[in-house]
C-alpha atoms as a PDB file:
ATOM      1  CA  UNK A   1      -0.085   0.145  -0.183  1.00  0.00           C
ATOM      2  CA  UNK A   2       1.027   3.556  -0.964  1.00  0.00           C
ATOM      3  CA  UNK A   3       1.176   6.038   1.537  1.00  0.00           C
ATOM      4  CA  UNK A   4       1.600   9.758   1.620  1.00  0.00           C
ATOM      5  CA  UNK A   5       1.726  12.335   4.173  1.00  0.00           C
ATOM      6  CA  UNK A   6      -1.775  13.616   5.845  1.00  0.00           C
ATOM      7  CA  UNK A   7      -3.240  17.277   4.486  1.00  0.00           C
ATOM      8  CA  UNK A   8      -6.010  19.310   5.896  1.00  0.00           C
ATOM      9  CA  UNK A   9      -9.015  18.351   3.965  1.00  0.00           C
ATOM     10  CA  UNK A  10      -9.499  15.097   1.961  1.00  0.00           C
ATOM     11  CA  UNK A  11      -6.800  12.518   3.448  1.00  0.00           C
ATOM     12  CA  UNK A  12      -4.129  12.433   0.741  1.00  0.00           C
ATOM     13  CA  UNK A  13      -3.287   8.389   1.644  1.00  0.00           C
ATOM     14  CA  UNK A  14      -7.245   8.090   0.848  1.00  0.00           C
ATOM     15  CA  UNK A  15      -6.819   9.672  -2.522  1.00  0.00           C
ATOM     16  CA  UNK A  16      -3.514   7.771  -3.565  1.00  0.00           C
ATOM     17  CA  UNK A  17      -4.480   4.384  -2.337  1.00  0.00           C
ATOM     18  CA  UNK A  18      -7.836   5.239  -4.585  1.00  0.00           C
ATOM     19  CA  UNK A  19      -5.607   5.878  -7.782  1.00  0.00           C
ATOM     20  CA  UNK A  20      -2.941   2.997  -6.979  1.00  0.00           C
ATOM     21  CA  UNK A  21      -6.076   0.599  -6.925  1.00  0.00           C
ATOM     22  CA  UNK A  22      -7.673   2.111 -10.357  1.00  0.00           C
ATOM     23  CA  UNK A  23      -4.126   1.413 -11.838  1.00  0.00           C
ATOM     24  CA  UNK A  24      -3.577  -1.947 -10.380  1.00  0.00           C
ATOM     25  CA  UNK A  25      -6.732  -3.647  -9.914  1.00  0.00           C
ATOM     26  CA  UNK A  26      -6.057  -6.886 -11.993  1.00  0.00           C
ATOM     27  CA  UNK A  27      -3.187  -8.713 -13.594  1.00  0.00           C
ATOM     28  CA  UNK A  28      -4.864  -8.600 -17.301  1.00  0.00           C
ATOM     29  CA  UNK A  29      -5.076  -4.384 -16.909  1.00  0.00           C
ATOM     30  CA  UNK A  30      -1.640  -4.165 -15.699  1.00  0.00           C
ATOM     31  CA  UNK A  31      -0.293  -6.491 -18.774  1.00  0.00           C
ATOM     32  CA  UNK A  32      -2.314  -4.627 -21.079  1.00  0.00           C
ATOM     33  CA  UNK A  33      -0.797  -1.088 -20.182  1.00  0.00           C
ATOM     34  CA  UNK A  34       2.779  -2.761 -20.393  1.00  0.00           C
ATOM     35  CA  UNK A  35       2.022  -3.890 -23.998  1.00  0.00           C
ATOM     36  CA  UNK A  36       0.620  -0.461 -24.971  1.00  0.00           C
ATOM     37  CA  UNK A  37       2.298   1.416 -27.589  1.00  0.00           C
ATOM     38  CA  UNK A  38       0.412   4.549 -27.340  1.00  0.00           C
ATOM     39  CA  UNK A  39       2.250   7.637 -27.020  1.00  0.00           C
ATOM     40  CA  UNK A  40       1.545  10.463 -25.122  1.00  0.00           C
ATOM     41  CA  UNK A  41       0.742  13.852 -27.233  1.00  0.00           C
ATOM     42  CA  UNK A  42       2.502  16.965 -26.752  1.00  0.00           C
ATOM     43  CA  UNK A  43       0.218  19.961 -26.563  1.00  0.00           C
ATOM     44  CA  UNK A  44       2.859  22.312 -25.910  1.00  0.00           C
ATOM     45  CA  UNK A  45       2.696  23.797 -29.189  1.00  0.00           C
ATOM     46  CA  UNK A  46      -1.174  24.671 -28.896  1.00  0.00           C
ATOM     47  CA  UNK A  47      -0.807  26.416 -25.709  1.00  0.00           C
ATOM     48  CA  UNK A  48       0.467  29.661 -27.016  1.00  0.00           C
ATOM     49  CA  UNK A  49      -2.637  30.007 -28.981  1.00  0.00           C
ATOM     50  CA  UNK A  50      -5.043  30.165 -26.033  1.00  0.00           C
ATOM     51  CA  UNK A  51      -6.532  33.673 -25.549  1.00  0.00           C
ATOM     52  CA  UNK A  52      -8.727  33.294 -22.317  1.00  0.00           C
ATOM     53  CA  UNK A  53      -7.121  34.348 -19.014  1.00  0.00           C
ATOM     54  CA  UNK A  54      -5.515  31.325 -17.162  1.00  0.00           C
ATOM     55  CA  UNK A  55      -5.157  30.512 -13.554  1.00  0.00           C
ATOM     56  CA  UNK A  56      -2.884  27.565 -12.596  1.00  0.00           C
ATOM     57  CA  UNK A  57      -3.334  26.110  -9.255  1.00  0.00           C
ATOM     58  CA  UNK A  58      -0.069  23.430  -7.893  1.00  0.00           C
ATOM     59  CA  UNK A  59       0.163  21.538  -5.207  1.00  0.00           C
ATOM     60  CA  UNK A  60       3.671  22.141  -3.780  1.00  0.00           C
ATOM     61  CA  UNK A  61       3.880  18.446  -2.719  1.00  0.00           C
ATOM     62  CA  UNK A  62       2.055  17.106  -5.798  1.00  0.00           C
ATOM     63  CA  UNK A  63       3.241  13.590  -6.455  1.00  0.00           C
ATOM     64  CA  UNK A  64       1.618  13.383 -10.018  1.00  0.00           C
ATOM     65  CA  UNK A  65       2.291  16.195 -11.921  1.00  0.00           C
ATOM     66  CA  UNK A  66       5.632  18.118 -11.369  1.00  0.00           C
ATOM     67  CA  UNK A  67       5.838  21.604 -10.708  1.00  0.00           C
ATOM     68  CA  UNK A  68       7.919  22.175 -13.769  1.00  0.00           C
ATOM     69  CA  UNK A  69       5.002  21.327 -16.066  1.00  0.00           C
ATOM     70  CA  UNK A  70       2.826  24.292 -14.479  1.00  0.00           C
ATOM     71  CA  UNK A  71       6.053  26.651 -14.954  1.00  0.00           C
ATOM     72  CA  UNK A  72       5.984  25.307 -18.695  1.00  0.00           C
ATOM     73  CA  UNK A  73       2.410  26.240 -19.326  1.00  0.00           C
ATOM     74  CA  UNK A  74       2.767  29.510 -17.476  1.00  0.00           C
ATOM     75  CA  UNK A  75       5.675  30.518 -20.094  1.00  0.00           C
ATOM     76  CA  UNK A  76       3.560  29.455 -23.052  1.00  0.00           C
ATOM     77  CA  UNK A  77       0.148  30.790 -21.822  1.00  0.00           C
ATOM     78  CA  UNK A  78       0.398  35.032 -22.798  1.00  0.00           C
ATOM     79  CA  UNK A  79      -2.530  35.465 -19.650  1.00  0.00           C
ATOM     80  CA  UNK A  80      -1.811  32.793 -17.054  1.00  0.00           C
ATOM     81  CA  UNK A  81      -0.864  33.082 -13.774  1.00  0.00           C
ATOM     82  CA  UNK A  82       0.468  30.250 -11.545  1.00  0.00           C
ATOM     83  CA  UNK A  83      -0.426  29.695  -7.517  1.00  0.00           C
ATOM     84  CA  UNK A  84       1.458  27.560  -5.510  1.00  0.00           C
ATOM     85  CA  UNK A  85      -0.326  26.063  -2.620  1.00  0.00           C
ATOM     86  CA  UNK A  86       2.093  24.965   0.142  1.00  0.00           C
ATOM     87  CA  UNK A  87       1.230  21.498   2.079  1.00  0.00           C
ATOM     88  CA  UNK A  88      -0.644  20.626  -0.792  1.00  0.00           C
ATOM     89  CA  UNK A  89      -0.652  17.507  -3.457  1.00  0.00           C
ATOM     90  CA  UNK A  90      -2.516  16.320  -6.459  1.00  0.00           C
ATOM     91  CA  UNK A  91      -5.820  17.944  -5.526  1.00  0.00           C
ATOM     92  CA  UNK A  92      -6.175  21.066  -4.143  1.00  0.00           C
ATOM     93  CA  UNK A  93      -9.472  21.774  -4.062  1.00  0.00           C
ATOM     94  CA  UNK A  94      -9.848  19.015  -1.807  1.00  0.00           C
ATOM     95  CA  UNK A  95      -6.979  19.183   0.362  1.00  0.00           C
ATOM     96  CA  UNK A  96      -7.110  23.360   0.441  1.00  0.00           C
ATOM     97  CA  UNK A  97     -10.730  23.510  -0.545  1.00  0.00           C
ATOM     98  CA  UNK A  98     -11.057  27.454   1.371  1.00  0.00           C
ATOM     99  CA  UNK A  99      -7.536  28.799   0.003  1.00  0.00           C
ATOM    100  CA  UNK A 100      -8.428  27.013  -3.591  1.00  0.00           C
ATOM    101  CA  UNK A 101     -11.352  28.760  -3.565  1.00  0.00           C
ATOM    102  CA  UNK A 102     -10.073  32.045  -2.626  1.00  0.00           C
ATOM    103  CA  UNK A 103      -7.761  32.137  -5.466  1.00  0.00           C
ATOM    104  CA  UNK A 104     -10.307  31.050  -7.982  1.00  0.00           C
ATOM    105  CA  UNK A 105     -12.839  33.653  -6.771  1.00  0.00           C
ATOM    106  CA  UNK A 106      -9.972  36.339  -6.639  1.00  0.00           C
ATOM    107  CA  UNK A 107      -9.210  35.267 -10.133  1.00  0.00           C
ATOM    108  CA  UNK A 108     -12.575  35.247 -11.757  1.00  0.00           C
ATOM    109  CA  UNK A 109     -13.719  38.864  -9.754  1.00  0.00           C
ATOM    110  CA  UNK A 110     -10.426  40.177 -11.986  1.00  0.00           C
ATOM    111  CA  UNK A 111     -12.576  39.410 -15.273  1.00  0.00           C
END
């Protein structure tokens, strides 16, 4: 069982365990994933075409998406902002609901 640090709000252990179970629930599923030849698509060239304001909210301890991904997105979208939430993992709306909501509302009020 994979374990993560506890955070305020949702229990990070429960969320990590859920994702782990979703990807390891059967040997057949794991084997199919191993044999997959699909290649992830790189959307980076499309980012510069985004004209709408963008708010990126990233958890400091996100173990699923590296912080550098958010920085790269920030650098490719002209009207974008990045908020880094401390003591937060991959699920800011669940782990830091009040802080997350405050940032989203402030962003929306600005437009």
